[in-house]
Amino acid sequence: MTPGEEPEHRLVDITLLDIPVTLWARTDDELKDLRREFALIVLSRENHVPDVPSQLMHLIDELQASYGAFGNSQAERFERARTEDDPVIDRLEWRLPHDSEDDIKRLATALDEADEYCRQGQHLLTLTSSPATKAFRDWFLDEFCVQLRGGPPTPWPLSPYAAIAREAVTE
């Protein structure tokens, strides 16, 4: 922290290592499908009762407004890797406010609730996250939380989440 810098403005370096591009792409595609469908559900409702689709859409908008700029170069790197059929991104780095963990946990909880909403299957085309993409999503978000608390990065292949994803693929 620099002299005079307020602790709440302190940024923490976050590093993700050995990111599988194909799995990230599947996770990203599933989330985009979910957001599209939830947006249609929210728009089609006459009453605005707080429910899983509207709560998730509101939270994503809120987090995008707060943190969107923090991930622009990483999103560009991901899209480039996806377009060029790179199997792995060796390293991506973010700098986030040290007090971001609660927002990341709120997003993780909201995505789990969205999975449950999809599992119930009422008026939805979108399915619940696959076990492999759920494992990737959990690793991705957990890495941010662990590192915001000062922990070291765990490369995807060495994480317990990668083992869950491998097991899901072999079943």
N, C-alpha and C. Protein backbone atom coordinates (compact mmCIF):
# COMPACT_ATOMS: atom_id res chain seq x y z
N MET A 1 0.85 -1.17 0.00
CA MET A 1 0.00 0.00 0.00
C MET A 1 0.90 1.23 0.00
N THR A 2 0.55 2.20 -0.83
CA THR A 2 1.35 3.41 -0.88
C THR A 2 0.96 4.34 0.25
N PRO A 3 1.88 5.21 0.67
CA PRO A 3 1.56 6.16 1.75
C PRO A 3 0.34 6.99 1.37
N GLY A 4 -0.59 7.12 2.30
CA GLY A 4 -1.79 7.90 2.08
C GLY A 4 -2.92 7.14 1.39
N GLU A 5 -2.64 5.94 0.91
CA GLU A 5 -3.68 5.14 0.23
C GLU A 5 -4.60 4.52 1.28
N GLU A 6 -5.88 4.64 1.06
CA GLU A 6 -6.86 4.08 1.96
C GLU A 6 -6.90 2.56 1.81
N PRO A 7 -6.99 1.80 2.92
CA PRO A 7 -7.01 0.34 2.83
C PRO A 7 -8.13 -0.19 1.94
N GLU A 8 -9.30 0.46 1.92
CA GLU A 8 -10.40 -0.07 1.11
C GLU A 8 -10.15 0.09 -0.39
N HIS A 9 -9.16 0.89 -0.77
CA HIS A 9 -8.83 1.06 -2.18
C HIS A 9 -7.66 0.20 -2.62
N ARG A 10 -7.13 -0.58 -1.70
CA ARG A 10 -5.98 -1.43 -2.01
C ARG A 10 -6.39 -2.50 -3.03
N LEU A 11 -5.54 -2.71 -4.03
CA LEU A 11 -5.80 -3.72 -5.04
C LEU A 11 -4.95 -4.96 -4.76
N VAL A 12 -5.52 -6.11 -5.05
CA VAL A 12 -4.84 -7.38 -4.84
C VAL A 12 -4.63 -8.03 -6.21
N ASP A 13 -3.43 -8.55 -6.42
CA ASP A 13 -3.13 -9.26 -7.66
C ASP A 13 -3.73 -10.66 -7.60
N ILE A 14 -4.48 -11.01 -8.63
CA ILE A 14 -5.09 -12.33 -8.76
C ILE A 14 -4.51 -12.97 -10.01
N THR A 15 -4.07 -14.21 -9.89
CA THR A 15 -3.48 -14.92 -11.02
C THR A 15 -4.16 -16.26 -11.20
N LEU A 16 -4.64 -16.51 -12.41
CA LEU A 16 -5.15 -17.83 -12.76
C LEU A 16 -4.14 -18.48 -13.68
N LEU A 17 -3.87 -19.78 -13.42
CA LEU A 17 -2.82 -20.50 -14.13
C LEU A 17 -3.38 -21.72 -14.85
N ASP A 18 -2.85 -21.95 -16.05
CA ASP A 18 -3.16 -23.15 -16.83
C ASP A 18 -4.66 -23.33 -17.04
N ILE A 19 -5.26 -22.31 -17.61
CA ILE A 19 -6.72 -22.27 -17.80
C ILE A 19 -7.08 -23.01 -19.09
N PRO A 20 -7.92 -24.04 -18.99
CA PRO A 20 -8.33 -24.79 -20.19
C PRO A 20 -9.33 -23.96 -21.00
N VAL A 21 -8.94 -23.59 -22.20
CA VAL A 21 -9.74 -22.68 -23.01
C VAL A 21 -11.08 -23.30 -23.41
N THR A 22 -11.07 -24.56 -23.80
CA THR A 22 -12.31 -25.21 -24.22
C THR A 22 -13.33 -25.25 -23.08
N LEU A 23 -12.88 -25.58 -21.89
CA LEU A 23 -13.78 -25.64 -20.75
C LEU A 23 -14.26 -24.25 -20.36
N TRP A 24 -13.38 -23.27 -20.42
CA TRP A 24 -13.79 -21.90 -20.14
C TRP A 24 -14.82 -21.46 -21.17
N ALA A 25 -14.60 -21.82 -22.43
CA ALA A 25 -15.54 -21.45 -23.49
C ALA A 25 -16.92 -22.08 -23.26
N ARG A 26 -16.94 -23.37 -22.88
CA ARG A 26 -18.22 -24.03 -22.59
C ARG A 26 -18.92 -23.35 -21.41
N THR A 27 -18.15 -23.01 -20.38
CA THR A 27 -18.72 -22.33 -19.22
C THR A 27 -19.27 -20.96 -19.62
N ASP A 28 -18.52 -20.24 -20.40
CA ASP A 28 -18.93 -18.92 -20.87
C ASP A 28 -20.19 -19.02 -21.74
N ASP A 29 -20.22 -19.99 -22.64
CA ASP A 29 -21.40 -20.19 -23.49
C ASP A 29 -22.64 -20.53 -22.67
N GLU A 30 -22.48 -21.40 -21.68
CA GLU A 30 -23.61 -21.77 -20.83
C GLU A 30 -24.13 -20.54 -20.07
N LEU A 31 -23.22 -19.73 -19.58
CA LEU A 31 -23.64 -18.53 -18.84
C LEU A 31 -24.36 -17.54 -19.77
N LYS A 32 -23.84 -17.38 -20.98
CA LYS A 32 -24.50 -16.49 -21.94
C LYS A 32 -25.90 -16.99 -22.28
N ASP A 33 -26.05 -18.30 -22.48
CA ASP A 33 -27.37 -18.88 -22.75
C ASP A 33 -28.32 -18.62 -21.57
N LEU A 34 -27.82 -18.84 -20.37
CA LEU A 34 -28.62 -18.62 -19.17
C LEU A 34 -29.05 -17.16 -19.06
N ARG A 35 -28.11 -16.25 -19.28
CA ARG A 35 -28.43 -14.82 -19.19
C ARG A 35 -29.48 -14.42 -20.22
N ARG A 36 -29.35 -14.93 -21.45
CA ARG A 36 -30.33 -14.62 -22.49
C ARG A 36 -31.72 -15.09 -22.09
N GLU A 37 -31.79 -16.33 -21.63
CA GLU A 37 -33.09 -16.88 -21.27
C GLU A 37 -33.67 -16.17 -20.05
N PHE A 38 -32.84 -15.91 -19.05
CA PHE A 38 -33.34 -15.19 -17.87
C PHE A 38 -33.79 -13.78 -18.24
N ALA A 39 -33.08 -13.12 -19.16
CA ALA A 39 -33.50 -11.78 -19.59
C ALA A 39 -34.87 -11.84 -20.25
N LEU A 40 -35.12 -12.85 -21.06
CA LEU A 40 -36.44 -13.00 -21.68
C LEU A 40 -37.51 -13.25 -20.63
N ILE A 41 -37.21 -14.08 -19.63
CA ILE A 41 -38.17 -14.34 -18.56
C ILE A 41 -38.50 -13.05 -17.82
N VAL A 42 -37.47 -12.29 -17.49
CA VAL A 42 -37.68 -11.04 -16.74
C VAL A 42 -38.50 -10.07 -17.58
N LEU A 43 -38.19 -9.94 -18.86
CA LEU A 43 -38.91 -9.00 -19.73
C LEU A 43 -40.35 -9.42 -19.97
N SER A 44 -40.62 -10.70 -19.95
CA SER A 44 -41.97 -11.18 -20.27
C SER A 44 -42.92 -11.10 -19.08
N ARG A 45 -42.42 -10.85 -17.92
CA ARG A 45 -43.26 -10.81 -16.73
C ARG A 45 -43.90 -9.44 -16.58
N GLU A 46 -45.17 -9.46 -16.27
CA GLU A 46 -45.88 -8.21 -16.03
C GLU A 46 -45.55 -7.65 -14.66
N ASN A 47 -45.46 -8.54 -13.69
CA ASN A 47 -45.08 -8.08 -12.35
C ASN A 47 -43.58 -8.30 -12.16
N HIS A 48 -43.01 -7.52 -11.33
CA HIS A 48 -41.56 -7.60 -11.13
C HIS A 48 -41.26 -8.19 -9.76
N VAL A 49 -41.75 -9.40 -9.55
CA VAL A 49 -41.52 -10.11 -8.30
C VAL A 49 -40.06 -10.55 -8.27
N PRO A 50 -39.35 -10.24 -7.19
CA PRO A 50 -37.96 -10.70 -7.11
C PRO A 50 -37.91 -12.24 -7.12
N ASP A 51 -37.27 -12.80 -8.11
CA ASP A 51 -37.11 -14.23 -8.22
C ASP A 51 -35.72 -14.51 -8.74
N VAL A 52 -35.41 -15.77 -8.93
CA VAL A 52 -34.04 -16.14 -9.32
C VAL A 52 -33.61 -15.45 -10.62
N PRO A 53 -34.42 -15.48 -11.70
CA PRO A 53 -33.95 -14.81 -12.92
C PRO A 53 -33.70 -13.31 -12.73
N SER A 54 -34.64 -12.61 -12.10
CA SER A 54 -34.45 -11.16 -11.95
C SER A 54 -33.32 -10.84 -10.98
N GLN A 55 -33.17 -11.63 -9.93
CA GLN A 55 -32.09 -11.38 -8.97
C GLN A 55 -30.72 -11.61 -9.62
N LEU A 56 -30.60 -12.68 -10.41
CA LEU A 56 -29.32 -12.95 -11.07
C LEU A 56 -29.01 -11.85 -12.09
N MET A 57 -29.98 -11.45 -12.89
CA MET A 57 -29.74 -10.42 -13.89
C MET A 57 -29.34 -9.11 -13.21
N HIS A 58 -30.01 -8.76 -12.13
CA HIS A 58 -29.67 -7.54 -11.40
C HIS A 58 -28.24 -7.63 -10.83
N LEU A 59 -27.89 -8.77 -10.25
CA LEU A 59 -26.56 -8.94 -9.67
C LEU A 59 -25.49 -8.85 -10.76
N ILE A 60 -25.70 -9.51 -11.88
CA ILE A 60 -24.71 -9.45 -12.97
C ILE A 60 -24.54 -8.01 -13.46
N ASP A 61 -25.65 -7.29 -13.62
CA ASP A 61 -25.55 -5.88 -14.03
C ASP A 61 -24.78 -5.07 -13.00
N GLU A 62 -25.07 -5.30 -11.73
CA GLU A 62 -24.39 -4.58 -10.65
C GLU A 62 -22.88 -4.87 -10.66
N LEU A 63 -22.52 -6.15 -10.78
CA LEU A 63 -21.11 -6.51 -10.76
C LEU A 63 -20.40 -6.04 -12.03
N GLN A 64 -21.10 -6.07 -13.15
CA GLN A 64 -20.51 -5.56 -14.39
C GLN A 64 -20.20 -4.08 -14.26
N ALA A 65 -21.12 -3.33 -13.65
CA ALA A 65 -20.89 -1.90 -13.45
C ALA A 65 -19.71 -1.65 -12.51
N SER A 66 -19.58 -2.49 -11.49
CA SER A 66 -18.51 -2.30 -10.50
C SER A 66 -17.16 -2.82 -10.96
N TYR A 67 -17.16 -3.97 -11.65
CA TYR A 67 -15.90 -4.66 -11.93
C TYR A 67 -15.60 -4.87 -13.42
N GLY A 68 -16.51 -4.46 -14.29
CA GLY A 68 -16.35 -4.75 -15.71
C GLY A 68 -15.00 -4.36 -16.27
N ALA A 69 -14.52 -3.18 -15.92
CA ALA A 69 -13.24 -2.71 -16.46
C ALA A 69 -12.05 -3.53 -15.96
N PHE A 70 -12.21 -4.22 -14.84
CA PHE A 70 -11.10 -5.00 -14.29
C PHE A 70 -10.77 -6.22 -15.14
N GLY A 71 -11.67 -6.63 -16.02
CA GLY A 71 -11.44 -7.85 -16.79
C GLY A 71 -11.37 -7.68 -18.28
N ASN A 72 -11.28 -6.46 -18.78
CA ASN A 72 -11.31 -6.25 -20.23
C ASN A 72 -10.16 -6.93 -20.96
N SER A 73 -8.93 -6.75 -20.50
CA SER A 73 -7.80 -7.35 -21.22
C SER A 73 -7.82 -8.87 -21.12
N GLN A 74 -8.32 -9.41 -20.00
CA GLN A 74 -8.40 -10.86 -19.85
C GLN A 74 -9.47 -11.43 -20.79
N ALA A 75 -10.58 -10.72 -20.93
CA ALA A 75 -11.63 -11.17 -21.86
C ALA A 75 -11.11 -11.17 -23.28
N GLU A 76 -10.33 -10.16 -23.63
CA GLU A 76 -9.74 -10.11 -24.97
C GLU A 76 -8.77 -11.27 -25.18
N ARG A 77 -7.96 -11.56 -24.17
CA ARG A 77 -7.00 -12.68 -24.27
C ARG A 77 -7.75 -14.00 -24.41
N PHE A 78 -8.83 -14.18 -23.66
CA PHE A 78 -9.65 -15.38 -23.75
C PHE A 78 -10.24 -15.52 -25.16
N GLU A 79 -10.81 -14.46 -25.68
CA GLU A 79 -11.41 -14.53 -27.03
C GLU A 79 -10.35 -14.83 -28.09
N ARG A 80 -9.17 -14.27 -27.94
CA ARG A 80 -8.08 -14.55 -28.88
C ARG A 80 -7.69 -16.02 -28.80
N ALA A 81 -7.56 -16.55 -27.58
CA ALA A 81 -7.20 -17.96 -27.40
C ALA A 81 -8.29 -18.86 -27.98
N ARG A 82 -9.53 -18.48 -27.77
CA ARG A 82 -10.66 -19.26 -28.28
C ARG A 82 -10.65 -19.27 -29.81
N THR A 83 -10.44 -18.13 -30.41
CA THR A 83 -10.41 -18.00 -31.87
C THR A 83 -9.24 -18.77 -32.48
N GLU A 84 -8.11 -18.75 -31.81
CA GLU A 84 -6.90 -19.39 -32.32
C GLU A 84 -6.79 -20.86 -31.90
N ASP A 85 -7.83 -21.38 -31.25
CA ASP A 85 -7.85 -22.78 -30.79
C ASP A 85 -6.68 -23.13 -29.88
N ASP A 86 -6.27 -22.18 -29.04
CA ASP A 86 -5.26 -22.48 -28.03
C ASP A 86 -5.87 -23.41 -26.99
N PRO A 87 -5.19 -24.47 -26.59
CA PRO A 87 -5.77 -25.38 -25.60
C PRO A 87 -5.75 -24.81 -24.18
N VAL A 88 -4.72 -23.99 -23.87
CA VAL A 88 -4.54 -23.51 -22.50
C VAL A 88 -4.03 -22.07 -22.53
N ILE A 89 -4.53 -21.28 -21.61
CA ILE A 89 -3.94 -19.96 -21.35
C ILE A 89 -3.07 -20.16 -20.12
N ASP A 90 -1.77 -19.95 -20.29
CA ASP A 90 -0.83 -20.22 -19.20
C ASP A 90 -1.08 -19.35 -17.97
N ARG A 91 -1.42 -18.08 -18.19
CA ARG A 91 -1.51 -17.16 -17.06
C ARG A 91 -2.39 -15.96 -17.43
N LEU A 92 -3.31 -15.64 -16.54
CA LEU A 92 -4.08 -14.40 -16.65
C LEU A 92 -4.02 -13.71 -15.30
N GLU A 93 -3.96 -12.38 -15.33
CA GLU A 93 -3.85 -11.63 -14.08
C GLU A 93 -4.91 -10.54 -14.02
N TRP A 94 -5.42 -10.34 -12.83
CA TRP A 94 -6.36 -9.28 -12.51
C TRP A 94 -5.82 -8.51 -11.32
N ARG A 95 -6.32 -7.30 -11.14
CA ARG A 95 -6.08 -6.53 -9.91
C ARG A 95 -7.46 -6.10 -9.44
N LEU A 96 -7.86 -6.63 -8.29
CA LEU A 96 -9.19 -6.35 -7.76
C LEU A 96 -9.09 -5.69 -6.39
N PRO A 97 -10.09 -4.90 -6.04
CA PRO A 97 -10.13 -4.35 -4.68
C PRO A 97 -10.10 -5.48 -3.65
N HIS A 98 -9.36 -5.29 -2.59
CA HIS A 98 -9.17 -6.36 -1.60
C HIS A 98 -10.48 -6.79 -0.95
N ASP A 99 -11.50 -5.94 -1.00
CA ASP A 99 -12.77 -6.27 -0.36
C ASP A 99 -13.82 -6.82 -1.34
N SER A 100 -13.37 -7.43 -2.42
CA SER A 100 -14.27 -7.96 -3.46
C SER A 100 -14.83 -9.34 -3.15
N GLU A 101 -14.33 -10.01 -2.14
CA GLU A 101 -14.71 -11.40 -1.89
C GLU A 101 -16.22 -11.58 -1.69
N ASP A 102 -16.85 -10.69 -0.95
CA ASP A 102 -18.29 -10.84 -0.72
C ASP A 102 -19.07 -10.80 -2.03
N ASP A 103 -18.67 -9.94 -2.96
CA ASP A 103 -19.35 -9.88 -4.26
C ASP A 103 -19.14 -11.17 -5.05
N ILE A 104 -17.95 -11.73 -4.98
CA ILE A 104 -17.68 -12.98 -5.69
C ILE A 104 -18.50 -14.11 -5.10
N LYS A 105 -18.61 -14.14 -3.79
CA LYS A 105 -19.43 -15.16 -3.13
C LYS A 105 -20.91 -14.99 -3.47
N ARG A 106 -21.38 -13.75 -3.56
CA ARG A 106 -22.77 -13.50 -3.95
C ARG A 106 -23.02 -14.03 -5.36
N LEU A 107 -22.06 -13.83 -6.26
CA LEU A 107 -22.21 -14.33 -7.63
C LEU A 107 -22.23 -15.85 -7.64
N ALA A 108 -21.34 -16.47 -6.89
CA ALA A 108 -21.29 -17.94 -6.83
C ALA A 108 -22.62 -18.50 -6.33
N THR A 109 -23.16 -17.89 -5.28
CA THR A 109 -24.44 -18.33 -4.72
C THR A 109 -25.56 -18.14 -5.74
N ALA A 110 -25.58 -17.00 -6.40
CA ALA A 110 -26.62 -16.72 -7.40
C ALA A 110 -26.56 -17.71 -8.55
N LEU A 111 -25.36 -18.08 -8.98
CA LEU A 111 -25.22 -19.04 -10.08
C LEU A 111 -25.67 -20.43 -9.64
N ASP A 112 -25.39 -20.80 -8.39
CA ASP A 112 -25.88 -22.07 -7.87
C ASP A 112 -27.41 -22.07 -7.79
N GLU A 113 -27.99 -20.95 -7.37
CA GLU A 113 -29.45 -20.84 -7.33
C GLU A 113 -30.03 -20.91 -8.74
N ALA A 114 -29.35 -20.32 -9.70
CA ALA A 114 -29.80 -20.40 -11.10
C ALA A 114 -29.76 -21.84 -11.58
N ASP A 115 -28.73 -22.60 -11.21
CA ASP A 115 -28.68 -24.02 -11.57
C ASP A 115 -29.88 -24.75 -11.00
N GLU A 116 -30.21 -24.47 -9.75
CA GLU A 116 -31.36 -25.13 -9.13
C GLU A 116 -32.65 -24.72 -9.84
N TYR A 117 -32.77 -23.48 -10.19
CA TYR A 117 -33.94 -23.00 -10.93
C TYR A 117 -34.06 -23.74 -12.26
N CYS A 118 -32.93 -23.91 -12.94
CA CYS A 118 -32.93 -24.64 -14.21
C CYS A 118 -33.27 -26.11 -14.00
N ARG A 119 -32.78 -26.67 -12.92
CA ARG A 119 -33.05 -28.08 -12.61
C ARG A 119 -34.55 -28.32 -12.45
N GLN A 120 -35.26 -27.33 -11.93
CA GLN A 120 -36.71 -27.45 -11.76
C GLN A 120 -37.42 -27.45 -13.11
N GLY A 121 -36.79 -26.86 -14.12
CA GLY A 121 -37.23 -27.00 -15.51
C GLY A 121 -38.54 -26.37 -15.91
N GLN A 122 -38.98 -25.35 -15.23
CA GLN A 122 -40.24 -24.71 -15.61
C GLN A 122 -39.99 -23.63 -16.64
N HIS A 123 -40.51 -23.81 -17.84
CA HIS A 123 -40.48 -22.81 -18.91
C HIS A 123 -39.06 -22.44 -19.34
N LEU A 124 -38.14 -23.39 -19.24
CA LEU A 124 -36.76 -23.10 -19.60
C LEU A 124 -36.26 -24.04 -20.68
N LEU A 125 -35.45 -23.49 -21.57
CA LEU A 125 -34.71 -24.31 -22.52
C LEU A 125 -33.32 -24.61 -21.99
N THR A 126 -32.81 -23.69 -21.18
CA THR A 126 -31.46 -23.81 -20.64
C THR A 126 -31.43 -24.88 -19.55
N LEU A 127 -30.42 -25.73 -19.64
CA LEU A 127 -30.23 -26.78 -18.64
C LEU A 127 -29.31 -26.28 -17.55
N THR A 128 -29.29 -27.01 -16.46
CA THR A 128 -28.35 -26.70 -15.38
C THR A 128 -26.92 -26.85 -15.92
N SER A 129 -25.99 -26.20 -15.27
CA SER A 129 -24.58 -26.31 -15.68
C SER A 129 -24.16 -27.77 -15.67
N SER A 130 -23.33 -28.13 -16.62
CA SER A 130 -22.79 -29.49 -16.62
C SER A 130 -21.83 -29.62 -15.43
N PRO A 131 -21.60 -30.83 -14.95
CA PRO A 131 -20.66 -30.99 -13.82
C PRO A 131 -19.27 -30.42 -14.11
N ALA A 132 -18.80 -30.56 -15.34
CA ALA A 132 -17.47 -30.05 -15.68
C ALA A 132 -17.44 -28.53 -15.66
N THR A 133 -18.47 -27.89 -16.23
CA THR A 133 -18.46 -26.43 -16.24
C THR A 133 -18.74 -25.86 -14.85
N LYS A 134 -19.53 -26.56 -14.07
CA LYS A 134 -19.76 -26.13 -12.67
C LYS A 134 -18.43 -26.20 -11.91
N ALA A 135 -17.68 -27.27 -12.10
CA ALA A 135 -16.38 -27.40 -11.43
C ALA A 135 -15.44 -26.28 -11.86
N PHE A 136 -15.42 -25.97 -13.16
CA PHE A 136 -14.56 -24.89 -13.64
C PHE A 136 -14.99 -23.55 -13.04
N ARG A 137 -16.29 -23.30 -13.06
CA ARG A 137 -16.81 -22.04 -12.50
C ARG A 137 -16.45 -21.93 -11.02
N ASP A 138 -16.59 -23.02 -10.28
CA ASP A 138 -16.26 -23.00 -8.86
C ASP A 138 -14.77 -22.73 -8.64
N TRP A 139 -13.92 -23.37 -9.45
CA TRP A 139 -12.47 -23.12 -9.34
C TRP A 139 -12.17 -21.66 -9.63
N PHE A 140 -12.71 -21.16 -10.72
CA PHE A 140 -12.46 -19.79 -11.16
C PHE A 140 -12.80 -18.80 -10.04
N LEU A 141 -14.01 -18.91 -9.50
CA LEU A 141 -14.44 -17.98 -8.45
C LEU A 141 -13.70 -18.22 -7.14
N ASP A 142 -13.44 -19.48 -6.81
CA ASP A 142 -12.71 -19.79 -5.59
C ASP A 142 -11.28 -19.25 -5.63
N GLU A 143 -10.65 -19.30 -6.79
CA GLU A 143 -9.29 -18.76 -6.91
C GLU A 143 -9.26 -17.28 -6.55
N PHE A 144 -10.27 -16.54 -6.98
CA PHE A 144 -10.33 -15.13 -6.63
C PHE A 144 -10.45 -14.97 -5.11
N CYS A 145 -11.34 -15.72 -4.50
CA CYS A 145 -11.55 -15.60 -3.05
C CYS A 145 -10.29 -15.98 -2.28
N VAL A 146 -9.68 -17.10 -2.63
CA VAL A 146 -8.47 -17.56 -1.94
C VAL A 146 -7.36 -16.52 -2.05
N GLN A 147 -7.17 -16.00 -3.24
CA GLN A 147 -6.08 -15.05 -3.44
C GLN A 147 -6.37 -13.69 -2.83
N LEU A 148 -7.64 -13.30 -2.78
CA LEU A 148 -7.98 -12.05 -2.09
C LEU A 148 -7.64 -12.14 -0.61
N ARG A 149 -7.66 -13.37 -0.06
CA ARG A 149 -7.30 -13.58 1.34
C ARG A 149 -5.80 -13.81 1.51
N GLY A 150 -5.04 -13.72 0.42
CA GLY A 150 -3.59 -13.86 0.52
C GLY A 150 -3.04 -15.22 0.16
N GLY A 151 -3.90 -16.15 -0.25
CA GLY A 151 -3.44 -17.48 -0.63
C GLY A 151 -2.79 -17.51 -1.99
N PRO A 152 -2.03 -18.57 -2.25
CA PRO A 152 -1.35 -18.69 -3.55
C PRO A 152 -2.31 -19.22 -4.62
N PRO A 153 -1.98 -18.96 -5.90
CA PRO A 153 -2.80 -19.53 -6.97
C PRO A 153 -2.60 -21.04 -7.09
N THR A 154 -3.67 -21.73 -7.44
CA THR A 154 -3.60 -23.17 -7.73
C THR A 154 -3.91 -23.35 -9.20
N PRO A 155 -2.96 -23.85 -9.99
CA PRO A 155 -3.24 -24.07 -11.41
C PRO A 155 -4.43 -25.04 -11.57
N TRP A 156 -5.22 -24.81 -12.60
CA TRP A 156 -6.38 -25.66 -12.86
C TRP A 156 -6.06 -27.14 -12.77
N PRO A 157 -5.03 -27.65 -13.47
CA PRO A 157 -4.81 -29.10 -13.45
C PRO A 157 -4.51 -29.67 -12.07
N LEU A 158 -4.01 -28.86 -11.15
CA LEU A 158 -3.67 -29.33 -9.81
C LEU A 158 -4.79 -29.13 -8.80
N SER A 159 -5.89 -28.53 -9.23
CA SER A 159 -6.98 -28.22 -8.31
C SER A 159 -7.91 -29.42 -8.15
N PRO A 160 -8.56 -29.53 -7.00
CA PRO A 160 -9.55 -30.60 -6.84
C PRO A 160 -10.72 -30.44 -7.82
N TYR A 161 -10.95 -29.23 -8.28
CA TYR A 161 -12.03 -28.99 -9.23
C TYR A 161 -11.74 -29.67 -10.57
N ALA A 162 -10.48 -29.68 -10.98
CA ALA A 162 -10.11 -30.34 -12.24
C ALA A 162 -10.38 -31.84 -12.14
N ALA A 163 -10.14 -32.42 -10.96
CA ALA A 163 -10.42 -33.85 -10.77
C ALA A 163 -11.93 -34.12 -10.88
N ILE A 164 -12.74 -33.21 -10.34
CA ILE A 164 -14.20 -33.35 -10.45
C ILE A 164 -14.61 -33.29 -11.91
N ALA A 165 -14.05 -32.35 -12.66
CA ALA A 165 -14.38 -32.22 -14.07
C ALA A 165 -13.95 -33.46 -14.86
N ARG A 166 -12.75 -33.97 -14.58
CA ARG A 166 -12.28 -35.18 -15.28
C ARG A 166 -13.19 -36.35 -14.98
N GLU A 167 -13.58 -36.49 -13.73
CA GLU A 167 -14.47 -37.58 -13.33
C GLU A 167 -15.82 -37.45 -14.03
N ALA A 168 -16.33 -36.24 -14.15
CA ALA A 168 -17.62 -36.01 -14.79
C ALA A 168 -17.56 -36.39 -16.27
N VAL A 169 -16.44 -36.12 -16.91
CA VAL A 169 -16.28 -36.44 -18.33
C VAL A 169 -16.20 -37.94 -18.56
N THR A 170 -15.59 -38.67 -17.63
CA THR A 170 -15.43 -40.12 -17.81
C THR A 170 -16.67 -40.91 -17.45
N GLU A 171 -17.64 -40.27 -16.78
CA GLU A 171 -18.86 -40.99 -16.39
C GLU A 171 -19.78 -41.17 -17.56
